[in-house]
Protein backbone atom coordinates (compact mmCIF):
# COMPACT_ATOMS: atom_id res chain seq x y z
CA UNK A 1 -134.37 -22.12 132.66
CA UNK A 2 -130.31 -21.64 133.52
CA UNK A 3 -128.95 -22.55 130.54
CA UNK A 4 -125.56 -22.74 133.07
CA UNK A 5 -126.78 -24.80 134.96
CA UNK A 6 -128.83 -27.38 132.53
CA UNK A 7 -124.34 -27.91 131.39
CA UNK A 8 -123.19 -28.03 134.99
CA UNK A 9 -125.72 -30.81 135.83
CA UNK A 10 -125.99 -32.82 132.73
CA UNK A 11 -121.65 -32.54 132.92
CA UNK A 12 -121.40 -33.68 136.59
CA UNK A 13 -123.96 -36.64 135.66
CA UNK A 14 -122.25 -38.04 132.71
CA UNK A 15 -118.90 -37.94 134.23
CA UNK A 16 -120.52 -39.42 137.83
CA UNK A 17 -121.49 -42.18 135.23
CA UNK A 18 -118.14 -42.96 133.65
CA UNK A 19 -116.69 -42.01 137.15
CA UNK A 20 -118.95 -45.40 138.28
CA UNK A 21 -118.41 -47.20 135.44
CA UNK A 22 -115.39 -47.80 135.29
CA UNK A 23 -114.36 -48.57 139.21
CA UNK A 24 -117.28 -51.28 139.30
CA UNK A 25 -115.13 -52.76 135.93
CA UNK A 26 -111.95 -52.35 138.28
CA UNK A 27 -113.89 -53.58 141.56
CA UNK A 28 -116.03 -56.66 139.45
CA UNK A 29 -112.40 -58.02 137.77
CA UNK A 30 -111.27 -57.13 141.06
CA UNK A 31 -113.81 -59.31 143.66
CA UNK A 32 -114.70 -62.09 140.85
CA UNK A 33 -111.36 -62.63 138.95
CA UNK A 34 -112.42 -61.76 135.62
CA UNK A 35 -114.51 -59.73 133.43
CA UNK A 36 -117.15 -57.89 133.92
CA UNK A 37 -120.31 -59.10 131.77
CA UNK A 38 -121.14 -57.55 128.93
CA UNK A 39 -121.75 -56.98 124.82
CA UNK A 40 -120.58 -60.40 124.55
CA UNK A 41 -123.91 -62.57 125.29
CA UNK A 42 -122.65 -65.51 123.00
CA UNK A 43 -120.03 -65.95 126.11
CA UNK A 44 -121.03 -69.53 127.81
CA UNK A 45 -118.90 -69.22 130.69
CA UNK A 46 -121.19 -66.34 132.45
CA UNK A 47 -124.57 -67.59 134.00
CA UNK A 48 -127.77 -65.44 133.80
CA UNK A 49 -127.57 -65.49 138.21
CA UNK A 50 -124.11 -63.22 137.41
CA UNK A 51 -125.32 -60.85 135.08
CA UNK A 52 -128.51 -60.42 137.04
CA UNK A 53 -126.10 -59.27 140.00
CA UNK A 54 -124.26 -57.71 137.78
CA UNK A 55 -126.92 -55.33 136.76
CA UNK A 56 -128.09 -54.58 139.91
CA UNK A 57 -124.99 -53.42 141.93
CA UNK A 58 -124.72 -51.75 138.27
CA UNK A 59 -127.40 -49.47 138.62
CA UNK A 60 -127.40 -49.65 141.82
CA UNK A 61 -124.01 -47.49 142.42
CA UNK A 62 -124.37 -45.34 138.88
CA UNK A 63 -127.64 -43.98 140.37
CA UNK A 64 -125.74 -43.77 143.57
CA UNK A 65 -122.45 -42.19 142.29
CA UNK A 66 -125.11 -39.88 139.95
CA UNK A 67 -126.90 -38.90 142.68
CA UNK A 68 -124.03 -37.47 145.06
CA UNK A 69 -122.95 -35.82 142.07
CA UNK A 70 -125.89 -34.18 140.82
CA UNK A 71 -126.26 -32.96 144.87
CA UNK A 72 -122.52 -31.77 144.61
CA UNK A 73 -122.72 -29.55 141.68
CA UNK A 74 -125.78 -28.30 143.40
CA UNK A 75 -124.72 -26.70 146.10
CA UNK A 76 -121.28 -26.13 144.06
CA UNK A 77 -122.99 -24.04 141.04
CA UNK A 78 -126.20 -23.21 143.35
CA UNK A 79 -129.13 -25.27 142.15
CA UNK A 80 -130.89 -24.18 139.10
CA UNK A 81 -132.39 -20.29 138.92
CA UNK A 82 -135.52 -20.04 138.57
CA UNK A 83 -136.65 -16.69 137.55
CA UNK A 84 -139.63 -15.35 140.21
CA UNK A 85 -142.85 -13.77 138.29
CA UNK A 86 -143.17 -10.77 140.78
CA UNK A 87 -146.22 -11.05 142.75
CA UNK A 88 -149.44 -9.22 141.68
CA UNK A 89 -150.40 -8.47 145.31
CA UNK A 90 -146.99 -6.66 147.14
CA UNK A 91 -145.68 -6.16 143.68
CA UNK A 92 -141.66 -7.73 142.97
């Protein structure tokens, strides 16, 4: 188990999620002219369609950003380092 990789991997995923969330908020406001649907479930101005579209878009953007961050982190760090056990036939 490579602790360094776990730290880099987790950090990149968290950072990517935070940045993607901020980008989504700014983009949603630029496109629709109002704040994205959020924790205020009692707002009558927010339609179910808007909530579903925002959920789909945000899920795709956050998932893609985390995947790209993981790939970048693996390229930078070298990926998780696995210890290889010696081969009993050929030796170490």
